[in-house]
Amino acid sequence: MELIYLHHSGFVILMNNSTIVIDYFEDSFSEKNGILHNDILNRNGKMYVLSSHFHADHFNKEIFEWGKNKSDITYILSNDIRRKRNIPRDSASWLKKGEEYNDNNIKIKAFGSTDVGISFLIETEGKTIFHAGDLNNWHWMDESHEDEWKRDEKKFLDEIKVISNDYKNIDLVLFPIDPRLGSEYMRGGKQFIDLIKPTVFIPMHFWNDYVSANRFQQYAISKGIDSPEINCRGQIFHNIL
């Protein structure tokens, strides 16, 4: 299994029998130029394209163009995308929190978000992969009153408790470590791995602030979790699991 970081919250997962693209909005060099367009879209086998919500940094309508040249492609998208972006119902499988997509190769369960849309728990080829979408402790602690950020924190903790009821351990977690939150920007990631221990943790949603994102590595390692540094768009994590 290989993991490729595209940009922001966009990743490609290369399995033996399939390719999974999650939250694409730009390729590794620019919007339509990079490892995805140059190589991955030409890869043989089944392709699954997932988008967690309609925000422009998580969804790009261009994904539907790929189906013109690739027949074996399945779109599994959050239902808010259909409504907000006026996408025809028959273009994809649409998921809401608590719903699932299943075929003979993959199972995808939609969990909640603390912003809009959903998060994804993917089971395929004996591995479990969690992509948080915009699920995070968006506490804005340095700017908000205590009652406000504690209210927001409770929503997040309630959501991850739902996940932990089904999954105590996850092989790979892709989770927001967003330095815009201020001094406690790693708080949500810490709370997540304190409750649900992954084998590997990769930060996302940090735009180009790699230094801040990689500070999470020290905490992850202290908990016995592998957290390799993420250093550039298009980075390939070989044999990540």
Protein backbone atom coordinates (compact mmCIF):
# COMPACT_ATOMS: atom_id res chain seq x y z
CA MET A 1 0.00 0.00 0.00
CA GLU A 2 1.25 3.44 -0.97
CA LEU A 3 -0.05 6.86 0.05
CA ILE A 4 0.42 9.95 -2.11
CA TYR A 5 -0.12 13.46 -0.77
CA LEU A 6 -1.59 15.79 -3.38
CA HIS A 7 -2.36 19.03 -1.54
CA HIS A 8 -4.19 20.26 1.57
CA SER A 9 -6.54 17.33 2.33
CA GLY A 10 -6.14 15.52 -0.97
CA PHE A 11 -4.61 12.05 -1.06
CA VAL A 12 -4.31 9.03 -3.33
CA ILE A 13 -4.13 5.55 -1.86
CA LEU A 14 -2.71 2.81 -4.06
CA MET A 15 -3.96 -0.63 -3.10
CA ASN A 16 -3.23 -3.89 -4.89
CA ASN A 17 -6.65 -4.03 -6.52
CA SER A 18 -7.78 -0.42 -6.62
CA THR A 19 -6.93 3.26 -6.46
CA ILE A 20 -8.65 5.59 -3.98
CA VAL A 21 -8.65 9.37 -4.48
CA ILE A 22 -9.90 11.43 -1.55
CA ASP A 23 -10.78 15.15 -1.38
CA TYR A 24 -9.04 16.14 -4.60
CA PHE A 25 -9.20 19.81 -5.49
CA GLU A 26 -5.71 20.30 -6.92
CA ASP A 27 -2.99 18.00 -8.21
CA SER A 28 0.56 17.94 -6.84
CA PHE A 29 1.96 20.76 -9.03
CA SER A 30 -1.12 22.83 -9.82
CA GLU A 31 -4.83 22.29 -10.29
CA LYS A 32 -4.50 19.97 -13.30
CA ASN A 33 -0.81 19.16 -13.38
CA GLY A 34 1.02 16.60 -11.31
CA ILE A 35 1.31 12.98 -10.32
CA LEU A 36 -2.44 12.34 -10.43
CA HIS A 37 -2.98 13.51 -14.00
CA ASN A 38 0.38 12.29 -15.30
CA ASP A 39 0.36 8.82 -13.77
CA ILE A 40 -2.45 7.80 -11.44
CA LEU A 41 -5.38 8.38 -13.79
CA ASN A 42 -3.73 5.94 -16.19
CA ARG A 43 -3.35 3.21 -13.57
CA ASN A 44 -5.16 -0.03 -14.34
CA GLY A 45 -7.91 -1.29 -12.11
CA LYS A 46 -10.84 0.05 -10.18
CA MET A 47 -10.77 3.69 -9.06
CA TYR A 48 -12.83 5.14 -6.22
CA VAL A 49 -13.19 8.91 -5.93
CA LEU A 50 -14.35 10.26 -2.56
CA SER A 51 -15.19 13.83 -1.53
CA SER A 52 -16.13 14.66 2.06
CA HIS A 53 -18.04 17.91 1.43
CA PHE A 54 -18.74 20.73 -0.99
CA HIS A 55 -16.08 23.27 0.11
CA ALA A 56 -13.80 24.29 -2.74
CA ASP A 57 -10.69 23.00 -0.94
CA HIS A 58 -12.18 19.49 -0.76
CA PHE A 59 -14.19 19.12 -3.97
CA ASN A 60 -13.56 19.89 -7.62
CA LYS A 61 -16.14 19.16 -10.33
CA GLU A 62 -13.27 18.12 -12.58
CA ILE A 63 -13.45 14.65 -11.06
CA PHE A 64 -16.39 13.87 -13.33
CA GLU A 65 -14.22 14.54 -16.39
CA TRP A 66 -12.05 11.55 -15.46
CA GLY A 67 -14.91 9.18 -16.16
CA LYS A 68 -14.84 10.09 -19.85
CA ASN A 69 -11.51 8.31 -20.28
CA LYS A 70 -11.70 5.77 -17.46
CA SER A 71 -14.60 3.35 -17.40
CA ASP A 72 -13.97 1.58 -14.09
CA ILE A 73 -14.51 4.56 -11.78
CA THR A 74 -16.94 4.95 -8.88
CA TYR A 75 -17.80 8.23 -7.15
CA ILE A 76 -18.73 8.15 -3.44
CA LEU A 77 -19.55 11.66 -2.31
CA SER A 78 -21.11 13.47 0.63
CA ASN A 79 -24.75 14.29 -0.01
CA ASP A 80 -24.24 18.03 0.64
CA ILE A 81 -22.19 18.19 -2.58
CA ARG A 82 -25.21 17.16 -4.64
CA ARG A 83 -27.31 19.92 -3.12
CA LYS A 84 -24.75 22.70 -2.93
CA ARG A 85 -23.07 22.07 -6.30
CA ASN A 86 -26.16 20.98 -8.25
CA ILE A 87 -24.76 17.60 -9.26
CA PRO A 88 -27.19 15.12 -10.90
CA ARG A 89 -28.26 12.37 -8.52
CA ASP A 90 -27.16 9.58 -10.86
CA SER A 91 -23.56 10.86 -11.01
CA ALA A 92 -22.46 9.23 -7.76
CA SER A 93 -23.30 7.25 -4.67
CA TRP A 94 -24.30 9.84 -2.07
CA LEU A 95 -23.63 9.31 1.62
CA LYS A 96 -24.92 10.93 4.78
CA LYS A 97 -23.64 10.30 8.28
CA GLY A 98 -24.29 6.68 9.26
CA GLU A 99 -24.68 5.42 5.69
CA GLU A 100 -22.40 2.97 3.89
CA TYR A 101 -21.16 2.05 0.45
CA ASN A 102 -20.22 -1.59 -0.14
CA ASP A 103 -19.02 -3.68 -3.05
CA ASN A 104 -16.88 -6.81 -3.29
CA ASN A 105 -13.68 -4.80 -2.88
CA ILE A 106 -14.35 -1.96 -0.45
CA LYS A 107 -16.56 -0.80 2.40
CA ILE A 108 -16.93 2.90 3.12
CA LYS A 109 -18.82 4.17 6.15
CA ALA A 110 -19.72 7.83 6.59
CA PHE A 111 -19.15 9.33 10.02
CA GLY A 112 -19.92 12.89 11.05
CA SER A 113 -18.13 16.21 10.77
CA THR A 114 -17.89 19.26 13.00
CA ASP A 115 -18.17 21.51 9.97
CA VAL A 116 -20.11 20.27 6.93
CA GLY A 117 -20.31 16.94 5.15
CA ILE A 118 -18.88 13.70 6.44
CA SER A 119 -15.71 11.82 7.32
CA PHE A 120 -14.82 8.44 5.78
CA LEU A 121 -13.88 5.10 7.32
CA ILE A 122 -12.60 2.86 4.53
CA GLU A 123 -12.07 -0.89 4.82
CA THR A 124 -10.28 -2.59 1.94
CA GLU A 125 -7.78 -5.42 1.51
CA GLY A 126 -7.66 -5.98 5.26
CA LYS A 127 -6.79 -2.33 6.09
CA THR A 128 -8.77 0.42 7.83
CA ILE A 129 -8.25 4.01 6.70
CA PHE A 130 -9.87 7.10 8.18
CA HIS A 131 -10.04 10.42 6.33
CA ALA A 132 -11.48 13.09 8.61
CA GLY A 133 -12.66 15.58 5.99
CA ASP A 134 -13.40 18.64 8.12
CA LEU A 135 -13.93 16.71 11.32
CA ASN A 136 -11.77 18.45 13.90
CA ASN A 137 -11.89 20.31 17.18
CA TRP A 138 -12.38 23.73 15.56
CA HIS A 139 -12.12 25.45 18.92
CA TRP A 140 -10.57 28.85 17.93
CA MET A 141 -9.54 29.01 21.57
CA ASP A 142 -7.41 32.17 21.27
CA GLU A 143 -10.34 34.14 19.85
CA SER A 144 -13.50 32.73 21.44
CA HIS A 145 -15.12 32.91 24.86
CA GLU A 146 -14.58 29.81 26.97
CA ASP A 147 -18.20 28.72 26.76
CA GLU A 148 -18.04 28.92 22.96
CA TRP A 149 -14.91 26.83 22.45
CA LYS A 150 -16.01 24.31 25.06
CA ARG A 151 -19.33 23.94 23.22
CA ASP A 152 -17.45 23.31 19.95
CA GLU A 153 -15.06 20.92 21.66
CA LYS A 154 -17.95 18.87 23.04
CA LYS A 155 -19.35 18.44 19.52
CA PHE A 156 -16.01 17.08 18.37
CA LEU A 157 -15.57 14.74 21.33
CA ASP A 158 -19.09 13.41 20.83
CA GLU A 159 -18.33 12.67 17.17
CA ILE A 160 -15.12 10.78 17.82
CA LYS A 161 -16.81 8.75 20.55
CA VAL A 162 -19.24 7.52 17.90
CA ILE A 163 -16.30 6.38 15.78
CA SER A 164 -14.58 4.72 18.73
CA ASN A 165 -17.68 2.64 19.41
CA ASP A 166 -16.99 0.83 16.14
CA TYR A 167 -13.21 1.22 15.77
CA LYS A 168 -10.79 1.25 18.69
CA ASN A 169 -7.79 1.00 16.36
CA ILE A 170 -7.36 2.21 12.79
CA ASP A 171 -4.43 1.45 10.49
CA LEU A 172 -4.09 4.86 8.83
CA VAL A 173 -5.55 8.20 9.95
CA LEU A 174 -5.52 11.36 7.80
CA PHE A 175 -6.50 14.23 10.08
CA PRO A 176 -6.48 18.08 10.13
CA ILE A 177 -3.56 19.73 11.91
CA ASP A 178 -4.42 23.32 11.04
CA PRO A 179 -2.10 26.01 12.51
CA ARG A 180 -4.72 28.72 11.88
CA LEU A 181 -6.38 27.56 15.10
CA GLY A 182 -3.63 29.18 17.15
CA SER A 183 -1.70 27.98 20.16
CA GLU A 184 -3.73 24.77 20.66
CA TYR A 185 -3.95 23.83 16.97
CA MET A 186 -2.92 20.22 17.62
CA ARG A 187 -5.57 19.69 20.29
CA GLY A 188 -8.07 17.84 18.07
CA GLY A 189 -5.45 15.48 16.69
CA LYS A 190 -4.22 14.68 20.17
CA GLN A 191 -7.75 14.01 21.41
CA PHE A 192 -8.41 11.76 18.43
CA ILE A 193 -5.38 9.52 18.87
CA ASP A 194 -5.84 9.44 22.64
CA LEU A 195 -9.24 7.81 22.02
CA ILE A 196 -8.65 5.91 18.78
CA LYS A 197 -5.09 4.68 18.31
CA PRO A 198 -3.91 4.51 14.70
CA THR A 199 -0.89 2.64 13.43
CA VAL A 200 0.06 5.60 11.20
CA PHE A 201 -1.01 9.25 11.49
CA ILE A 202 -0.60 11.76 8.63
CA PRO A 203 -1.54 15.44 9.07
CA MET A 204 -3.56 17.38 6.51
CA HIS A 205 -5.47 20.66 6.05
CA PHE A 206 -2.38 22.74 6.85
CA TRP A 207 -2.04 24.35 3.42
CA ASN A 208 1.73 24.90 2.99
CA ASP A 209 2.78 25.16 6.64
CA TYR A 210 4.69 21.88 6.76
CA VAL A 211 6.74 22.92 9.79
CA SER A 212 3.64 23.37 11.95
CA ALA A 213 2.04 20.16 10.66
CA ASN A 214 5.13 18.09 11.41
CA ARG A 215 5.27 19.27 15.02
CA PHE A 216 2.54 16.73 15.65
CA GLN A 217 5.03 13.95 14.97
CA GLN A 218 6.63 14.23 18.40
CA TYR A 219 3.31 13.70 20.18
CA ALA A 220 2.33 10.82 17.91
CA ILE A 221 5.64 9.04 18.45
CA SER A 222 5.30 9.47 22.23
CA LYS A 223 2.08 7.46 21.93
CA GLY A 224 3.72 4.69 19.93
CA ILE A 225 2.27 5.86 16.61
CA ASP A 226 4.21 6.12 13.36
CA SER A 227 3.95 9.65 11.94
CA PRO A 228 6.40 10.25 9.08
CA GLU A 229 7.15 13.84 8.12
CA ILE A 230 5.15 15.31 5.27
CA ASN A 231 7.31 17.69 3.28
CA CYS A 232 5.93 18.44 -0.18
CA ARG A 233 3.06 18.10 -2.60
CA GLY A 234 3.30 14.85 -4.51
CA GLN A 235 5.16 13.08 -1.70
CA ILE A 236 4.89 9.30 -1.87
CA PHE A 237 4.84 7.22 1.31
CA HIS A 238 6.00 3.80 0.16
CA ASN A 239 4.84 0.68 2.04
CA ILE A 240 3.12 2.87 4.60
CA LEU A 241 1.32 -0.17 6.01
